[in-house]
């Protein structure tokens, strides 16, 4: 019996958007009856920027900004899907990404026997 492993790598600037996307995806994936689900929480990426307020008068006046990127990997094991169903999954999650604004999704599917 062949299995399809669907792997999603999800990125967002706030964990609320990731959680909302996962809930919507789980609800919509009930129709495919997935066998197993695994979630991997990746460390958040923090980028810090320092910008001069006024380059002419006061060189010591600076503003500091920070951008945090939260990441998660979700793996669903689905029962034997065909190639047509893989295309269905890609279109399914692309349409779902339009609903979940603020989330970047990378999709990978693997077929194992």
PDB file of N, CA and C in Angstrom:
ATOM      1  N   UNK A   1       0.840  -1.177   0.000  1.00  0.00           N
ATOM      2  CA  UNK A   1       0.000   0.000   0.000  1.00  0.00           C
ATOM      3  C   UNK A   1       0.882   1.236   0.000  1.00  0.00           C
ATOM      4  N   UNK A   2       0.712   2.074  -0.985  1.00  0.00           N
ATOM      5  CA  UNK A   2       1.541   3.275  -1.071  1.00  0.00           C
ATOM      6  C   UNK A   2       0.926   4.403  -0.248  1.00  0.00           C
ATOM      7  N   UNK A   3       1.803   5.240   0.271  1.00  0.00           N
ATOM      8  CA  UNK A   3       1.375   6.374   1.074  1.00  0.00           C
ATOM      9  C   UNK A   3       1.969   7.643   0.487  1.00  0.00           C
ATOM     10  N   UNK A   4       1.263   8.719   0.620  1.00  0.00           N
ATOM     11  CA  UNK A   4       1.751  10.022   0.208  1.00  0.00           C
ATOM     12  C   UNK A   4       2.011  10.851   1.455  1.00  0.00           C
ATOM     13  N   UNK A   5       3.202  11.409   1.541  1.00  0.00           N
ATOM     14  CA  UNK A   5       3.544  12.269   2.666  1.00  0.00           C
ATOM     15  C   UNK A   5       3.512  13.709   2.172  1.00  0.00           C
ATOM     16  N   UNK A   6       2.626  14.471   2.742  1.00  0.00           N
ATOM     17  CA  UNK A   6       2.457  15.878   2.395  1.00  0.00           C
ATOM     18  C   UNK A   6       3.153  16.713   3.455  1.00  0.00           C
ATOM     19  N   UNK A   7       4.145  17.490   3.039  1.00  0.00           N
ATOM     20  CA  UNK A   7       4.923  18.314   3.962  1.00  0.00           C
ATOM     21  C   UNK A   7       4.685  19.783   3.642  1.00  0.00           C
ATOM     22  N   UNK A   8       4.283  20.536   4.657  1.00  0.00           N
ATOM     23  CA  UNK A   8       4.087  21.979   4.508  1.00  0.00           C
ATOM     24  C   UNK A   8       5.073  22.701   5.410  1.00  0.00           C
ATOM     25  N   UNK A   9       5.773  23.666   4.856  1.00  0.00           N
ATOM     26  CA  UNK A   9       6.625  24.543   5.659  1.00  0.00           C
ATOM     27  C   UNK A   9       5.929  25.897   5.682  1.00  0.00           C
ATOM     28  N   UNK A  10       5.563  26.337   6.858  1.00  0.00           N
ATOM     29  CA  UNK A  10       4.739  27.532   7.016  1.00  0.00           C
ATOM     30  C   UNK A  10       5.562  28.604   7.731  1.00  0.00           C
ATOM     31  N   UNK A  11       5.502  29.819   7.197  1.00  0.00           N
ATOM     32  CA  UNK A  11       6.192  30.960   7.804  1.00  0.00           C
ATOM     33  C   UNK A  11       5.206  32.104   7.958  1.00  0.00           C
ATOM     34  N   UNK A  12       5.340  32.852   9.048  1.00  0.00           N
ATOM     35  CA  UNK A  12       4.510  34.036   9.269  1.00  0.00           C
ATOM     36  C   UNK A  12       5.216  34.942  10.272  1.00  0.00           C
ATOM     37  N   UNK A  13       4.794  36.195  10.307  1.00  0.00           N
ATOM     38  CA  UNK A  13       5.394  37.145  11.235  1.00  0.00           C
ATOM     39  C   UNK A  13       4.742  37.096  12.606  1.00  0.00           C
ATOM     40  N   UNK A  14       3.623  36.383  12.732  1.00  0.00           N
ATOM     41  CA  UNK A  14       2.948  36.250  14.024  1.00  0.00           C
ATOM     42  C   UNK A  14       2.429  34.816  14.143  1.00  0.00           C
ATOM     43  N   UNK A  15       2.592  34.171  15.308  1.00  0.00           N
ATOM     44  CA  UNK A  15       2.156  32.776  15.428  1.00  0.00           C
ATOM     45  C   UNK A  15       0.644  32.598  15.308  1.00  0.00           C
ATOM     46  N   UNK A  16      -0.130  33.658  15.537  1.00  0.00           N
ATOM     47  CA  UNK A  16      -1.584  33.568  15.408  1.00  0.00           C
ATOM     48  C   UNK A  16      -1.988  33.161  13.996  1.00  0.00           C
ATOM     49  N   UNK A  17      -1.314  33.700  12.991  1.00  0.00           N
ATOM     50  CA  UNK A  17      -1.650  33.393  11.603  1.00  0.00           C
ATOM     51  C   UNK A  17      -1.336  31.933  11.268  1.00  0.00           C
ATOM     52  N   UNK A  18      -0.250  31.416  11.827  1.00  0.00           N
ATOM     53  CA  UNK A  18       0.100  30.012  11.594  1.00  0.00           C
ATOM     54  C   UNK A  18      -0.947  29.102  12.233  1.00  0.00           C
ATOM     55  N   UNK A  19      -1.325  29.404  13.478  1.00  0.00           N
ATOM     56  CA  UNK A  19      -2.312  28.580  14.168  1.00  0.00           C
ATOM     57  C   UNK A  19      -3.651  28.595  13.438  1.00  0.00           C
ATOM     58  N   UNK A  20      -4.055  29.759  12.963  1.00  0.00           N
ATOM     59  CA  UNK A  20      -5.323  29.866  12.229  1.00  0.00           C
ATOM     60  C   UNK A  20      -5.269  29.057  10.929  1.00  0.00           C
ATOM     61  N   UNK A  21      -4.140  29.117  10.224  1.00  0.00           N
ATOM     62  CA  UNK A  21      -3.995  28.351   8.993  1.00  0.00           C
ATOM     63  C   UNK A  21      -4.049  26.854   9.270  1.00  0.00           C
ATOM     64  N   UNK A  22      -3.394  26.395  10.334  1.00  0.00           N
ATOM     65  CA  UNK A  22      -3.372  24.969  10.666  1.00  0.00           C
ATOM     66  C   UNK A  22      -4.784  24.481  10.994  1.00  0.00           C
ATOM     67  N   UNK A  23      -5.548  25.269  11.742  1.00  0.00           N
ATOM     68  CA  UNK A  23      -6.918  24.870  12.066  1.00  0.00           C
ATOM     69  C   UNK A  23      -7.784  24.755  10.819  1.00  0.00           C
ATOM     70  N   UNK A  24      -7.673  25.713   9.920  1.00  0.00           N
ATOM     71  CA  UNK A  24      -8.453  25.672   8.679  1.00  0.00           C
ATOM     72  C   UNK A  24      -8.029  24.485   7.822  1.00  0.00           C
ATOM     73  N   UNK A  25      -6.727  24.238   7.730  1.00  0.00           N
ATOM     74  CA  UNK A  25      -6.225  23.133   6.911  1.00  0.00           C
ATOM     75  C   UNK A  25      -6.670  21.786   7.477  1.00  0.00           C
ATOM     76  N   UNK A  26      -6.629  21.629   8.804  1.00  0.00           N
ATOM     77  CA  UNK A  26      -7.077  20.381   9.418  1.00  0.00           C
ATOM     78  C   UNK A  26      -8.554  20.138   9.131  1.00  0.00           C
ATOM     79  N   UNK A  27      -9.332  21.187   9.238  1.00  0.00           N
ATOM     80  CA  UNK A  27     -10.769  21.062   9.004  1.00  0.00           C
ATOM     81  C   UNK A  27     -11.056  20.657   7.555  1.00  0.00           C
ATOM     82  N   UNK A  28     -10.329  21.233   6.624  1.00  0.00           N
ATOM     83  CA  UNK A  28     -10.570  20.914   5.218  1.00  0.00           C
ATOM     84  C   UNK A  28      -9.937  19.589   4.789  1.00  0.00           C
ATOM     85  N   UNK A  29      -8.905  19.139   5.510  1.00  0.00           N
ATOM     86  CA  UNK A  29      -8.263  17.867   5.161  1.00  0.00           C
ATOM     87  C   UNK A  29      -9.003  16.656   5.725  1.00  0.00           C
ATOM     88  N   UNK A  30     -10.047  16.860   6.503  1.00  0.00           N
ATOM     89  CA  UNK A  30     -10.813  15.730   7.017  1.00  0.00           C
ATOM     90  C   UNK A  30     -11.425  14.913   5.885  1.00  0.00           C
ATOM     91  N   UNK A  31     -11.664  15.539   4.739  1.00  0.00           N
ATOM     92  CA  UNK A  31     -12.252  14.823   3.605  1.00  0.00           C
ATOM     93  C   UNK A  31     -11.268  13.810   3.025  1.00  0.00           C
ATOM     94  N   UNK A  32      -9.948  14.034   3.188  1.00  0.00           N
ATOM     95  CA  UNK A  32      -8.944  13.117   2.648  1.00  0.00           C
ATOM     96  C   UNK A  32      -8.589  12.005   3.629  1.00  0.00           C
ATOM     97  N   UNK A  33      -9.090  12.068   4.835  1.00  0.00           N
ATOM     98  CA  UNK A  33      -8.837  11.067   5.883  1.00  0.00           C
ATOM     99  C   UNK A  33      -7.348  10.745   6.025  1.00  0.00           C
ATOM    100  N   UNK A  34      -6.612  11.687   6.556  1.00  0.00           N
ATOM    101  CA  UNK A  34      -5.177  11.469   6.742  1.00  0.00           C
ATOM    102  C   UNK A  34      -4.947  10.461   7.860  1.00  0.00           C
ATOM    103  N   UNK A  35      -3.848   9.712   7.720  1.00  0.00           N
ATOM    104  CA  UNK A  35      -3.520   8.643   8.663  1.00  0.00           C
ATOM    105  C   UNK A  35      -2.800   9.199   9.889  1.00  0.00           C
ATOM    106  N   UNK A  36      -1.840  10.063   9.634  1.00  0.00           N
ATOM    107  CA  UNK A  36      -0.975  10.532  10.713  1.00  0.00           C
ATOM    108  C   UNK A  36      -0.622  11.996  10.486  1.00  0.00           C
ATOM    109  N   UNK A  37      -0.437  12.718  11.585  1.00  0.00           N
ATOM    110  CA  UNK A  37      -0.032  14.124  11.502  1.00  0.00           C
ATOM    111  C   UNK A  37       1.122  14.366  12.462  1.00  0.00           C
ATOM    112  N   UNK A  38       2.133  15.095  11.967  1.00  0.00           N
ATOM    113  CA  UNK A  38       3.277  15.472  12.799  1.00  0.00           C
ATOM    114  C   UNK A  38       3.491  16.971  12.645  1.00  0.00           C
ATOM    115  N   UNK A  39       3.770  17.642  13.751  1.00  0.00           N
ATOM    116  CA  UNK A  39       4.089  19.063  13.713  1.00  0.00           C
ATOM    117  C   UNK A  39       5.464  19.271  14.328  1.00  0.00           C
ATOM    118  N   UNK A  40       6.268  20.063  13.642  1.00  0.00           N
ATOM    119  CA  UNK A  40       7.605  20.404  14.115  1.00  0.00           C
ATOM    120  C   UNK A  40       7.686  21.922  14.239  1.00  0.00           C
ATOM    121  N   UNK A  41       7.934  22.402  15.438  1.00  0.00           N
ATOM    122  CA  UNK A  41       8.075  23.831  15.668  1.00  0.00           C
ATOM    123  C   UNK A  41       9.543  24.196  15.474  1.00  0.00           C
ATOM    124  N   UNK A  42       9.804  25.068  14.538  1.00  0.00           N
ATOM    125  CA  UNK A  42      11.164  25.510  14.258  1.00  0.00           C
ATOM    126  C   UNK A  42      11.454  26.782  15.047  1.00  0.00           C
ATOM    127  N   UNK A  43      12.724  27.065  15.323  1.00  0.00           N
ATOM    128  CA  UNK A  43      13.025  28.287  16.066  1.00  0.00           C
ATOM    129  C   UNK A  43      12.697  29.522  15.241  1.00  0.00           C
ATOM    130  N   UNK A  44      12.277  30.569  15.958  1.00  0.00           N
ATOM    131  CA  UNK A  44      11.942  31.795  15.235  1.00  0.00           C
ATOM    132  C   UNK A  44      13.215  32.540  14.852  1.00  0.00           C
ATOM    133  N   UNK A  45      13.125  33.222  13.739  1.00  0.00           N
ATOM    134  CA  UNK A  45      14.264  33.974  13.218  1.00  0.00           C
ATOM    135  C   UNK A  45      14.059  35.439  13.580  1.00  0.00           C
ATOM    136  N   UNK A  46      15.042  36.033  14.234  1.00  0.00           N
ATOM    137  CA  UNK A  46      14.941  37.425  14.672  1.00  0.00           C
ATOM    138  C   UNK A  46      15.959  38.251  13.897  1.00  0.00           C
ATOM    139  N   UNK A  47      15.469  39.286  13.224  1.00  0.00           N
ATOM    140  CA  UNK A  47      16.339  40.212  12.497  1.00  0.00           C
ATOM    141  C   UNK A  47      16.208  41.586  13.131  1.00  0.00           C
ATOM    142  N   UNK A  48      17.331  42.191  13.451  1.00  0.00           N
ATOM    143  CA  UNK A  48      17.322  43.513  14.075  1.00  0.00           C
ATOM    144  C   UNK A  48      17.983  44.521  13.145  1.00  0.00           C
ATOM    145  N   UNK A  49      17.372  45.705  13.076  1.00  0.00           N
ATOM    146  CA  UNK A  49      17.867  46.776  12.218  1.00  0.00           C
ATOM    147  C   UNK A  49      18.067  48.028  13.055  1.00  0.00           C
ATOM    148  N   UNK A  50      19.114  48.761  12.761  1.00  0.00           N
ATOM    149  CA  UNK A  50      19.360  50.050  13.407  1.00  0.00           C
ATOM    150  C   UNK A  50      19.422  51.111  12.315  1.00  0.00           C
ATOM    151  N   UNK A  51      18.637  52.160  12.493  1.00  0.00           N
ATOM    152  CA  UNK A  51      18.525  53.213  11.486  1.00  0.00           C
ATOM    153  C   UNK A  51      18.823  54.556  12.145  1.00  0.00           C
ATOM    154  N   UNK A  52      19.617  55.379  11.464  1.00  0.00           N
ATOM    155  CA  UNK A  52      19.868  56.732  11.963  1.00  0.00           C
ATOM    156  C   UNK A  52      18.615  57.578  11.822  1.00  0.00           C
ATOM    157  N   UNK A  53      18.273  58.315  12.892  1.00  0.00           N
ATOM    158  CA  UNK A  53      17.100  59.197  12.818  1.00  0.00           C
ATOM    159  C   UNK A  53      17.381  60.411  11.945  1.00  0.00           C
ATOM    160  N   UNK A  54      18.480  61.038  12.220  1.00  0.00           N
ATOM    161  CA  UNK A  54      18.844  62.228  11.469  1.00  0.00           C
ATOM    162  C   UNK A  54      20.319  62.131  11.104  1.00  0.00           C
ATOM    163  N   UNK A  55      20.620  61.931   9.833  1.00  0.00           N
ATOM    164  CA  UNK A  55      22.027  61.767   9.464  1.00  0.00           C
ATOM    165  C   UNK A  55      22.830  63.069   9.518  1.00  0.00           C
ATOM    166  N   UNK A  56      22.162  64.209   9.640  1.00  0.00           N
ATOM    167  CA  UNK A  56      22.881  65.479   9.577  1.00  0.00           C
ATOM    168  C   UNK A  56      23.243  66.030  10.950  1.00  0.00           C
ATOM    169  N   UNK A  57      22.272  66.187  11.828  1.00  0.00           N
ATOM    170  CA  UNK A  57      22.485  66.916  13.069  1.00  0.00           C
ATOM    171  C   UNK A  57      22.977  66.016  14.199  1.00  0.00           C
ATOM    172  N   UNK A  58      22.195  65.013  14.529  1.00  0.00           N
ATOM    173  CA  UNK A  58      22.488  64.195  15.691  1.00  0.00           C
ATOM    174  C   UNK A  58      22.822  62.773  15.242  1.00  0.00           C
ATOM    175  N   UNK A  59      24.115  62.468  15.175  1.00  0.00           N
ATOM    176  CA  UNK A  59      24.536  61.152  14.680  1.00  0.00           C
ATOM    177  C   UNK A  59      24.214  60.038  15.680  1.00  0.00           C
ATOM    178  N   UNK A  60      24.055  60.368  16.960  1.00  0.00           N
ATOM    179  CA  UNK A  60      23.832  59.343  17.968  1.00  0.00           C
ATOM    180  C   UNK A  60      22.371  58.947  18.117  1.00  0.00           C
ATOM    181  N   UNK A  61      21.472  59.711  17.518  1.00  0.00           N
ATOM    182  CA  UNK A  61      20.047  59.383  17.608  1.00  0.00           C
ATOM    183  C   UNK A  61      19.723  58.269  16.614  1.00  0.00           C
ATOM    184  N   UNK A  62      19.327  57.127  17.140  1.00  0.00           N
ATOM    185  CA  UNK A  62      19.062  55.969  16.288  1.00  0.00           C
ATOM    186  C   UNK A  62      17.761  55.288  16.722  1.00  0.00           C
ATOM    187  N   UNK A  63      17.136  54.637  15.778  1.00  0.00           N
ATOM    188  CA  UNK A  63      15.961  53.812  16.047  1.00  0.00           C
ATOM    189  C   UNK A  63      16.318  52.369  15.769  1.00  0.00           C
ATOM    190  N   UNK A  64      15.803  51.481  16.595  1.00  0.00           N
ATOM    191  CA  UNK A  64      16.049  50.062  16.400  1.00  0.00           C
ATOM    192  C   UNK A  64      14.722  49.351  16.134  1.00  0.00           C
ATOM    193  N   UNK A  65      14.733  48.474  15.129  1.00  0.00           N
ATOM    194  CA  UNK A  65      13.553  47.716  14.745  1.00  0.00           C
ATOM    195  C   UNK A  65      13.878  46.233  14.779  1.00  0.00           C
ATOM    196  N   UNK A  66      12.836  45.445  14.921  1.00  0.00           N
ATOM    197  CA  UNK A  66      13.013  44.004  15.006  1.00  0.00           C
ATOM    198  C   UNK A  66      11.901  43.316  14.217  1.00  0.00           C
ATOM    199  N   UNK A  67      12.279  42.278  13.471  1.00  0.00           N
ATOM    200  CA  UNK A  67      11.304  41.492  12.719  1.00  0.00           C
ATOM    201  C   UNK A  67      11.499  40.023  13.094  1.00  0.00           C
ATOM    202  N   UNK A  68      10.405  39.394  13.563  1.00  0.00           N
ATOM    203  CA  UNK A  68      10.457  37.991  13.961  1.00  0.00           C
ATOM    204  C   UNK A  68       9.678  37.147  12.964  1.00  0.00           C
ATOM    205  N   UNK A  69      10.280  36.053  12.512  1.00  0.00           N
ATOM    206  CA  UNK A  69       9.629  35.139  11.587  1.00  0.00           C
ATOM    207  C   UNK A  69       9.442  33.804  12.300  1.00  0.00           C
ATOM    208  N   UNK A  70       8.187  33.405  12.484  1.00  0.00           N
ATOM    209  CA  UNK A  70       7.856  32.134  13.122  1.00  0.00           C
ATOM    210  C   UNK A  70       7.703  31.076  12.042  1.00  0.00           C
ATOM    211  N   UNK A  71       8.175  29.856  12.319  1.00  0.00           N
ATOM    212  CA  UNK A  71       8.160  28.791  11.319  1.00  0.00           C
ATOM    213  C   UNK A  71       7.633  27.501  11.932  1.00  0.00           C
ATOM    214  N   UNK A  72       6.986  26.713  11.092  1.00  0.00           N
ATOM    215  CA  UNK A  72       6.484  25.410  11.515  1.00  0.00           C
ATOM    216  C   UNK A  72       6.457  24.472  10.320  1.00  0.00           C
ATOM    217  N   UNK A  73       6.735  23.202  10.569  1.00  0.00           N
ATOM    218  CA  UNK A  73       6.619  22.174   9.535  1.00  0.00           C
ATOM    219  C   UNK A  73       5.524  21.211   9.963  1.00  0.00           C
ATOM    220  N   UNK A  74       4.621  20.915   9.035  1.00  0.00           N
ATOM    221  CA  UNK A  74       3.540  19.973   9.296  1.00  0.00           C
ATOM    222  C   UNK A  74       3.621  18.869   8.257  1.00  0.00           C
ATOM    223  N   UNK A  75       3.571  17.627   8.713  1.00  0.00           N
ATOM    224  CA  UNK A  75       3.584  16.476   7.809  1.00  0.00           C
ATOM    225  C   UNK A  75       2.300  15.682   8.014  1.00  0.00           C
ATOM    226  N   UNK A  76       1.607  15.449   6.915  1.00  0.00           N
ATOM    227  CA  UNK A  76       0.430  14.593   6.924  1.00  0.00           C
ATOM    228  C   UNK A  76       0.730  13.366   6.088  1.00  0.00           C
ATOM    229  N   UNK A  77       0.414  12.189   6.616  1.00  0.00           N
ATOM    230  CA  UNK A  77       0.530  10.949   5.866  1.00  0.00           C
ATOM    231  C   UNK A  77      -0.857  10.607   5.347  1.00  0.00           C
ATOM    232  N   UNK A  78      -0.988  10.573   4.032  1.00  0.00           N
ATOM    233  CA  UNK A  78      -2.274  10.330   3.393  1.00  0.00           C
ATOM    234  C   UNK A  78      -2.253   8.964   2.723  1.00  0.00           C
ATOM    235  N   UNK A  79      -3.375   8.258   2.679  1.00  0.00           N
ATOM    236  CA  UNK A  79      -3.407   6.974   1.980  1.00  0.00           C
ATOM    237  C   UNK A  79      -3.268   7.174   0.482  1.00  0.00           C
ATOM    238  N   UNK A  80      -2.867   6.117  -0.202  1.00  0.00           N
ATOM    239  CA  UNK A  80      -2.517   6.082  -1.628  1.00  0.00           C
ATOM    240  C   UNK A  80      -3.232   7.126  -2.489  1.00  0.00           C
ATOM    241  N   UNK A  81      -2.477   8.156  -2.849  1.00  0.00           N
ATOM    242  CA  UNK A  81      -2.965   9.189  -3.759  1.00  0.00           C
ATOM    243  C   UNK A  81      -2.297   9.002  -5.115  1.00  0.00           C
ATOM    244  N   UNK A  82      -2.998   9.358  -6.144  1.00  0.00           N
ATOM    245  CA  UNK A  82      -2.444   9.278  -7.491  1.00  0.00           C
ATOM    246  C   UNK A  82      -1.876  10.630  -7.876  1.00  0.00           C
ATOM    247  N   UNK A  83      -1.264  10.702  -9.061  1.00  0.00           N
ATOM    248  CA  UNK A  83      -0.662  11.965  -9.497  1.00  0.00           C
ATOM    249  C   UNK A  83      -1.711  13.051  -9.656  1.00  0.00           C
ATOM    250  N   UNK A  84      -2.887  12.707 -10.101  1.00  0.00           N
ATOM    251  CA  UNK A  84      -3.948  13.708 -10.248  1.00  0.00           C
ATOM    252  C   UNK A  84      -4.315  14.304  -8.894  1.00  0.00           C
ATOM    253  N   UNK A  85      -4.293  13.472  -7.865  1.00  0.00           N
ATOM    254  CA  UNK A  85      -4.607  13.974  -6.537  1.00  0.00           C
ATOM    255  C   UNK A  85      -3.500  14.881  -6.007  1.00  0.00           C
ATOM    256  N   UNK A  86      -2.241  14.644  -6.417  1.00  0.00           N
ATOM    257  CA  UNK A  86      -1.164  15.555  -6.026  1.00  0.00           C
ATOM    258  C   UNK A  86      -1.416  16.946  -6.593  1.00  0.00           C
ATOM    259  N   UNK A  87      -1.857  17.012  -7.831  1.00  0.00           N
ATOM    260  CA  UNK A  87      -2.208  18.308  -8.406  1.00  0.00           C
ATOM    261  C   UNK A  87      -3.371  18.935  -7.653  1.00  0.00           C
ATOM    262  N   UNK A  88      -4.304  18.099  -7.221  1.00  0.00           N
ATOM    263  CA  UNK A  88      -5.427  18.591  -6.423  1.00  0.00           C
ATOM    264  C   UNK A  88      -4.926  19.191  -5.110  1.00  0.00           C
ATOM    265  N   UNK A  89      -3.954  18.526  -4.464  1.00  0.00           N
ATOM    266  CA  UNK A  89      -3.417  19.044  -3.205  1.00  0.00           C
ATOM    267  C   UNK A  89      -2.727  20.386  -3.399  1.00  0.00           C
ATOM    268  N   UNK A  90      -1.931  20.514  -4.474  1.00  0.00           N
ATOM    269  CA  UNK A  90      -1.257  21.789  -4.740  1.00  0.00           C
ATOM    270  C   UNK A  90      -2.275  22.908  -4.934  1.00  0.00           C
ATOM    271  N   UNK A  91      -3.292  22.656  -5.747  1.00  0.00           N
ATOM    272  CA  UNK A  91      -4.299  23.690  -5.985  1.00  0.00           C
ATOM    273  C   UNK A  91      -5.095  23.965  -4.714  1.00  0.00           C
ATOM    274  N   UNK A  92      -5.325  22.919  -3.915  1.00  0.00           N
ATOM    275  CA  UNK A  92      -6.064  23.058  -2.657  1.00  0.00           C
ATOM    276  C   UNK A  92      -5.348  24.012  -1.714  1.00  0.00           C
ATOM    277  N   UNK A  93      -4.036  23.815  -1.520  1.00  0.00           N
ATOM    278  CA  UNK A  93      -3.306  24.668  -0.587  1.00  0.00           C
ATOM    279  C   UNK A  93      -3.000  26.039  -1.171  1.00  0.00           C
ATOM    280  N   UNK A  94      -2.891  26.148  -2.477  1.00  0.00           N
ATOM    281  CA  UNK A  94      -2.723  27.477  -3.073  1.00  0.00           C
ATOM    282  C   UNK A  94      -3.992  28.303  -2.865  1.00  0.00           C
ATOM    283  N   UNK A  95      -5.143  27.683  -3.025  1.00  0.00           N
ATOM    284  CA  UNK A  95      -6.391  28.389  -2.764  1.00  0.00           C
ATOM    285  C   UNK A  95      -6.560  28.691  -1.283  1.00  0.00           C
ATOM    286  N   UNK A  96      -6.090  27.781  -0.432  1.00  0.00           N
ATOM    287  CA  UNK A  96      -6.168  27.999   1.002  1.00  0.00           C
ATOM    288  C   UNK A  96      -5.251  29.135   1.439  1.00  0.00           C
ATOM    289  N   UNK A  97      -4.127  29.311   0.750  1.00  0.00           N
ATOM    290  CA  UNK A  97      -3.217  30.401   1.107  1.00  0.00           C
ATOM    291  C   UNK A  97      -3.830  31.760   0.801  1.00  0.00           C
ATOM    292  N   UNK A  98      -4.790  31.810  -0.123  1.00  0.00           N
ATOM    293  CA  UNK A  98      -5.489  33.071  -0.377  1.00  0.00           C
ATOM    294  C   UNK A  98      -6.398  33.426   0.786  1.00  0.00           C
ATOM    295  N   UNK A  99      -6.919  32.392   1.454  1.00  0.00           N
ATOM    296  CA  UNK A  99      -7.776  32.628   2.616  1.00  0.00           C
ATOM    297  C   UNK A  99      -6.941  33.071   3.817  1.00  0.00           C
ATOM    298  N   UNK A 100      -5.842  32.379   4.064  1.00  0.00           N
ATOM    299  CA  UNK A 100      -4.986  32.667   5.212  1.00  0.00           C
ATOM    300  C   UNK A 100      -3.947  33.699   4.813  1.00  0.00           C
ATOM    301  N   UNK A 101      -4.295  34.949   4.950  1.00  0.00           N
ATOM    302  CA  UNK A 101      -3.406  36.044   4.562  1.00  0.00           C
ATOM    303  C   UNK A 101      -2.300  36.184   5.609  1.00  0.00           C
ATOM    304  N   UNK A 102      -1.094  36.436   5.150  1.00  0.00           N
ATOM    305  CA  UNK A 102       0.033  36.623   6.051  1.00  0.00           C
ATOM    306  C   UNK A 102       0.822  35.366   6.318  1.00  0.00           C
ATOM    307  N   UNK A 103       0.558  34.296   5.558  1.00  0.00           N
ATOM    308  CA  UNK A 103       1.245  33.025   5.745  1.00  0.00           C
ATOM    309  C   UNK A 103       1.905  32.628   4.435  1.00  0.00           C
ATOM    310  N   UNK A 104       3.172  32.264   4.503  1.00  0.00           N
ATOM    311  CA  UNK A 104       3.880  31.756   3.331  1.00  0.00           C
ATOM    312  C   UNK A 104       3.947  30.240   3.440  1.00  0.00           C
ATOM    313  N   UNK A 105       3.608  29.543   2.345  1.00  0.00           N
ATOM    314  CA  UNK A 105       3.535  28.096   2.365  1.00  0.00           C
ATOM    315  C   UNK A 105       4.456  27.505   1.309  1.00  0.00           C
ATOM    316  N   UNK A 106       5.245  26.504   1.679  1.00  0.00           N
ATOM    317  CA  UNK A 106       6.022  25.694   0.741  1.00  0.00           C
ATOM    318  C   UNK A 106       5.492  24.271   0.851  1.00  0.00           C
ATOM    319  N   UNK A 107       5.137  23.678  -0.300  1.00  0.00           N
ATOM    320  CA  UNK A 107       4.511  22.363  -0.323  1.00  0.00           C
ATOM    321  C   UNK A 107       5.452  21.350  -0.967  1.00  0.00           C
ATOM    322  N   UNK A 108       5.619  20.191  -0.320  1.00  0.00           N
ATOM    323  CA  UNK A 108       6.405  19.088  -0.868  1.00  0.00           C
ATOM    324  C   UNK A 108       5.605  17.811  -0.668  1.00  0.00           C
ATOM    325  N   UNK A 109       5.481  16.989  -1.727  1.00  0.00           N
ATOM    326  CA  UNK A 109       4.828  15.693  -1.575  1.00  0.00           C
ATOM    327  C   UNK A 109       5.811  14.582  -1.924  1.00  0.00           C
ATOM    328  N   UNK A 110       5.741  13.497  -1.177  1.00  0.00           N
ATOM    329  CA  UNK A 110       6.571  12.324  -1.421  1.00  0.00           C
ATOM    330  C   UNK A 110       5.675  11.106  -1.423  1.00  0.00           C
ATOM    331  N   UNK A 111       5.957  10.157  -2.310  1.00  0.00           N
ATOM    332  CA  UNK A 111       5.210   8.915  -2.354  1.00  0.00           C
ATOM    333  C   UNK A 111       6.116   7.784  -1.885  1.00  0.00           C
ATOM    334  N   UNK A 112       5.641   7.026  -0.879  1.00  0.00           N
ATOM    335  CA  UNK A 112       6.399   5.891  -0.358  1.00  0.00           C
ATOM    336  C   UNK A 112       5.551   4.644  -0.470  1.00  0.00           C
ATOM    337  N   UNK A 113       6.209   3.525  -0.711  1.00  0.00           N
ATOM    338  CA  UNK A 113       5.485   2.261  -0.813  1.00  0.00           C
ATOM    339  C   UNK A 113       5.487   1.506   0.476  1.00  0.00           C
TER     340      UNK A 113
END
